[in-house]
Protein backbone atom coordinates (compact mmCIF):
# COMPACT_ATOMS: atom_id res chain seq x y z
CA MET A 1 0.00 0.00 0.00
CA LYS A 2 2.80 2.39 0.91
CA HIS A 3 4.44 1.80 -2.46
CA ARG A 4 1.17 2.58 -4.25
CA LYS A 5 0.71 5.79 -2.27
CA ARG A 6 4.28 6.83 -3.08
CA LEU A 7 3.73 6.03 -6.74
CA LYS A 8 0.54 8.12 -6.80
CA THR A 9 2.40 10.97 -5.08
CA TYR A 10 5.25 10.80 -7.59
CA LEU A 11 2.77 10.79 -10.47
CA LEU A 12 0.88 13.77 -9.05
CA ILE A 13 4.17 15.68 -8.94
CA ALA A 14 5.73 14.35 -12.14
CA ILE A 15 2.80 14.89 -14.50
CA PRO A 16 2.37 18.64 -13.85
CA LEU A 17 6.14 19.15 -13.97
CA SER A 18 6.31 17.28 -17.27
CA ILE A 19 3.59 19.51 -18.71
CA VAL A 20 5.40 22.64 -17.54
CA PHE A 21 8.72 21.48 -19.01
CA TYR A 22 7.00 20.55 -22.27
CA PHE A 23 5.56 24.03 -22.68
CA ILE A 24 8.87 25.66 -21.76
CA ILE A 25 10.71 23.60 -24.40
CA TYR A 26 7.89 24.14 -26.92
CA ILE A 27 7.94 27.89 -26.47
CA ARG A 28 11.74 28.10 -26.63
CA THR A 29 11.75 25.99 -29.81
CA ASN A 30 8.86 27.63 -31.66
CA THR A 31 9.04 31.31 -30.73
CA HIS A 32 11.41 34.08 -31.73
CA HIS A 33 13.66 35.84 -29.26
CA SER A 34 14.98 39.35 -29.63
CA SER A 35 18.65 39.93 -30.41
CA TRP A 36 21.02 42.85 -31.01
CA ASP A 37 23.79 40.98 -32.80
CA ASN A 38 22.46 39.87 -36.19
CA GLN A 39 22.14 43.04 -38.25
CA LYS A 40 25.78 43.17 -39.40
CA GLU A 41 25.38 39.73 -40.99
CA TYR A 42 22.91 41.19 -43.50
CA LEU A 43 24.54 44.49 -44.39
CA TRP A 44 25.90 42.81 -47.54
CA LEU A 45 22.37 43.08 -48.93
CA PHE A 46 22.78 46.87 -49.10
CA THR A 47 24.94 48.78 -51.56
CA ASP A 48 27.92 50.62 -50.09
CA SER A 49 26.29 54.01 -50.58
CA ALA A 50 23.06 52.85 -48.91
CA ILE A 51 24.94 51.62 -45.84
CA ASN A 52 26.04 55.20 -45.20
CA ASP A 53 22.36 56.17 -44.83
CA ILE A 54 21.45 53.44 -42.34
CA ASP A 55 20.96 54.59 -38.75
CA PRO A 56 23.83 52.95 -36.78
CA HIS A 57 22.00 53.48 -33.48
CA PHE A 58 18.83 51.62 -34.46
CA GLN A 59 19.08 47.87 -34.32
CA GLY A 60 16.89 44.95 -33.56
CA SER A 61 16.10 41.46 -34.79
CA TRP A 62 13.94 38.46 -34.07
CA VAL A 63 15.67 35.08 -34.18
CA LYS A 64 14.34 31.53 -34.39
CA ASN A 65 16.00 28.26 -35.33
CA ASN A 66 15.00 28.49 -39.00
CA ASP A 67 14.55 32.21 -39.68
CA ILE A 68 15.87 35.65 -38.74
CA LEU A 69 14.04 38.97 -39.07
CA CYS A 70 16.24 42.08 -38.97
CA HIS A 71 15.14 45.72 -38.92
CA PHE A 72 17.02 48.78 -40.19
CA ILE A 73 16.20 52.49 -40.48
CA TYR A 74 17.17 54.01 -43.84
CA LYS A 75 17.29 57.79 -44.31
CA GLU A 76 15.31 58.33 -41.10
CA HIS A 77 11.86 57.70 -42.60
CA PHE A 78 12.11 54.17 -44.05
CA LEU A 79 11.86 50.95 -42.06
CA VAL A 80 13.70 48.16 -43.87
CA SER A 81 12.90 44.60 -42.77
CA ILE A 82 14.98 41.69 -44.03
CA TRP A 83 13.62 38.21 -43.30
CA HIS A 84 15.89 35.24 -44.03
CA PHE A 85 14.28 31.78 -44.17
CA ASP A 86 16.39 28.63 -43.91
CA ASP A 87 13.49 26.40 -44.92
CA LEU A 88 13.07 28.13 -48.29
CA ASP A 89 16.56 27.53 -49.60
CA LYS A 90 15.33 25.13 -52.30
CA ILE A 91 12.50 27.30 -53.54
CA LYS A 92 12.38 28.43 -57.15
CA LEU A 93 11.61 32.10 -57.50
CA THR A 94 9.15 31.30 -60.28
CA ASP A 95 7.15 29.25 -57.76
CA ALA A 96 6.76 32.21 -55.40
CA VAL A 97 3.31 33.56 -56.20
CA ILE A 98 2.00 37.05 -55.39
CA ASN A 99 -1.81 37.00 -55.23
CA TYR A 100 -3.48 40.39 -55.60
CA ASP A 101 -6.99 41.30 -54.43
CA LYS A 102 -7.25 38.33 -52.11
CA SER A 103 -9.14 38.50 -48.85
CA THR A 104 -6.84 38.21 -45.86
CA GLN A 105 -8.27 38.12 -42.37
CA ASP A 106 -7.21 38.36 -38.76
CA ILE A 107 -6.57 34.63 -38.60
CA ASP A 108 -6.28 32.53 -35.48
CA ILE A 109 -2.47 32.74 -35.28
CA MET A 110 -3.15 36.04 -33.55
CA TYR A 111 -5.00 34.15 -30.81
CA GLY A 112 -3.24 31.23 -29.19
CA LYS A 113 -1.66 29.38 -32.11
CA GLY A 114 1.28 31.66 -32.65
CA GLU A 115 3.14 34.74 -31.51
CA VAL A 116 2.90 38.42 -32.35
CA LEU A 117 6.08 40.34 -33.14
CA ASN A 118 6.17 44.14 -33.08
CA SER A 119 2.90 44.15 -31.12
CA THR A 120 3.13 47.87 -30.30
CA SER A 121 3.78 49.04 -33.86
CA SER A 122 2.07 48.99 -37.23
CA PRO A 123 2.17 46.61 -38.96
CA GLN A 124 1.95 43.91 -36.32
CA THR A 125 3.48 40.62 -37.40
CA ALA A 126 1.80 37.36 -36.36
CA VAL A 127 3.73 34.11 -36.88
CA ARG A 128 2.27 30.63 -36.50
CA PHE A 129 4.14 28.23 -34.22
CA GLY A 130 6.23 25.50 -35.86
CA ARG A 131 8.19 25.44 -39.08
CA ASN A 132 6.91 28.10 -41.41
CA PHE A 133 7.00 26.80 -44.96
CA ASP A 134 7.64 23.75 -47.15
CA ASN A 135 9.83 25.23 -49.89
CA ARG A 136 6.87 27.14 -51.26
CA ILE A 137 5.63 30.63 -50.44
CA ASN A 138 2.64 32.66 -51.58
CA VAL A 139 2.02 36.33 -50.83
CA ASN A 140 -1.63 37.35 -50.43
CA LEU A 141 -2.74 40.99 -50.41
CA SER A 142 -6.09 42.23 -49.14
CA LYS A 143 -8.69 43.64 -51.49
CA ASN A 144 -8.20 47.09 -49.97
CA SER A 145 -4.52 47.14 -50.91
CA THR A 146 -3.45 49.18 -53.92
CA ILE A 147 -0.59 48.14 -56.22
CA GLN A 148 1.21 50.91 -58.11
CA ASP A 149 3.88 48.85 -59.84
CA THR A 150 5.45 45.39 -60.11
CA PHE A 151 8.95 44.31 -61.09
CA GLN A 152 10.91 41.14 -61.71
CA SER A 153 14.37 39.89 -62.67
CA SER A 154 16.15 36.54 -62.64
CA SER A 155 16.97 36.90 -58.94
CA TYR A 156 14.00 38.79 -57.47
CA LYS A 157 10.37 39.82 -57.91
CA GLY A 158 8.17 42.24 -56.07
CA PHE A 159 5.75 45.12 -56.02
CA LEU A 160 5.21 48.67 -54.85
CA GLY A 161 1.91 49.52 -53.22
CA THR A 162 -0.16 50.70 -50.28
CA ILE A 163 -0.98 47.73 -48.08
CA ASP A 164 -4.01 47.17 -45.89
CA GLY A 165 -3.41 43.48 -45.10
CA MET A 166 -0.91 40.83 -46.18
CA SER A 167 -0.21 37.19 -45.40
CA PHE A 168 2.38 34.58 -46.41
CA THR A 169 1.16 31.05 -47.01
CA ASN A 170 2.68 27.67 -47.88
CA SER A 171 1.87 25.32 -50.75
CA LYS A 172 -1.42 24.36 -49.05
CA PHE A 173 -2.35 28.05 -48.72
CA GLU A 174 -2.13 27.80 -44.93
CA ASP A 175 -1.37 31.18 -43.37
CA TYR A 176 1.91 31.18 -41.47
CA ILE A 177 2.64 34.90 -41.30
CA TYR A 178 0.08 37.67 -41.17
CA PHE A 179 0.66 41.43 -41.23
CA ARG A 180 -1.96 43.55 -39.51
CA TYR A 181 -2.12 47.34 -39.97
CA PRO A 182 -3.91 48.86 -36.95
CA ASP A 183 -2.86 52.41 -37.97
CA GLY A 184 -4.25 52.08 -41.48
CA ARG A 185 -2.76 51.37 -44.90
CA MET A 186 0.99 51.72 -45.31
CA GLN A 187 3.26 52.39 -48.29
CA THR A 188 5.28 49.25 -48.93
CA LEU A 189 7.95 47.98 -51.29
CA LEU A 190 8.14 44.18 -51.09
CA VAL A 191 10.92 42.11 -52.68
CA LEU A 192 11.27 38.32 -52.80
CA TYR A 193 14.95 37.62 -53.38
CA LYS A 194 16.74 34.31 -54.01
CA SER A 195 20.54 33.98 -54.05
CA ALA A 196 23.22 31.42 -53.24
CA ARG A 197 23.01 32.65 -49.64
CA GLY A 198 19.34 31.81 -49.25
CA PHE A 199 15.82 33.14 -49.67
CA PHE A 200 14.91 36.61 -48.37
CA ILE A 201 11.81 38.72 -48.01
CA ILE A 202 12.72 42.42 -48.03
CA GLN A 203 10.20 45.10 -47.04
CA VAL A 204 10.61 48.86 -47.13
CA GLU A 205 7.81 50.73 -45.38
CA THR A 206 6.93 54.22 -44.22
CA ASN A 207 3.88 55.79 -42.64
CA ALA A 208 5.17 59.36 -43.00
CA PRO A 209 2.54 61.12 -45.16
CA GLU A 210 5.08 63.56 -46.58
CA ILE A 211 7.39 60.77 -47.80
CA SER A 212 6.73 58.60 -50.85
CA ILE A 213 8.24 55.23 -51.63
CA ASN A 214 9.19 54.69 -55.27
CA LYS A 215 10.33 51.63 -57.17
CA GLU A 216 13.87 53.00 -57.43
CA LEU A 217 14.39 52.09 -53.77
CA VAL A 218 15.03 48.54 -54.92
CA ASN A 219 18.41 49.84 -56.14
CA ILE A 220 19.70 50.32 -52.58
CA PHE A 221 20.00 46.52 -52.36
CA ASN A 222 22.55 44.12 -53.83
CA LEU A 223 20.16 41.80 -55.66
CA THR A 224 22.43 40.19 -58.24
């Protein structure tokens, strides 16, 4: 009897502890953590002249085991985000689809199935837990977004527009990243770039009404 009581006691202690440890490991494995040391690794994506216009005092990145999101300030008014995905290294740029006038919604990764980066800014970035993609990526823009121009080369493709909502999905069109704009539509230059160093999503954004983004901004990057 004593052995049974001890066993029950051990189980009552062990099971809750196991659940706690599981969630700790799960969160550490599937969520991003902030870092201050990754920006310099991605300065090669900028031209030499553009680097001179990057704010050296602004830095910040989000790091996970299979992707890194770095932020830069360019010429004071432009937020440049560079997102490097390890699990898209085999993707063909021709397979990366940009879907215009699609309905995106505040999907459930905002509520319990993922994490929200940049929660105090606009756009907010929601990321589903787990590995993001399966060597396929689709970009979906909301119907209220406006596209001014598109562009493409052998190494990149993208668009210039004013964005109201945007999501990135995998080959099954499952949303893994969702951008929410609580402060209203935002001018955005989006570039999907593939090189020998990996696959990158580059965004240039500004919400300054007196500043306009133009397609020529793509020339501040080394996209050869």
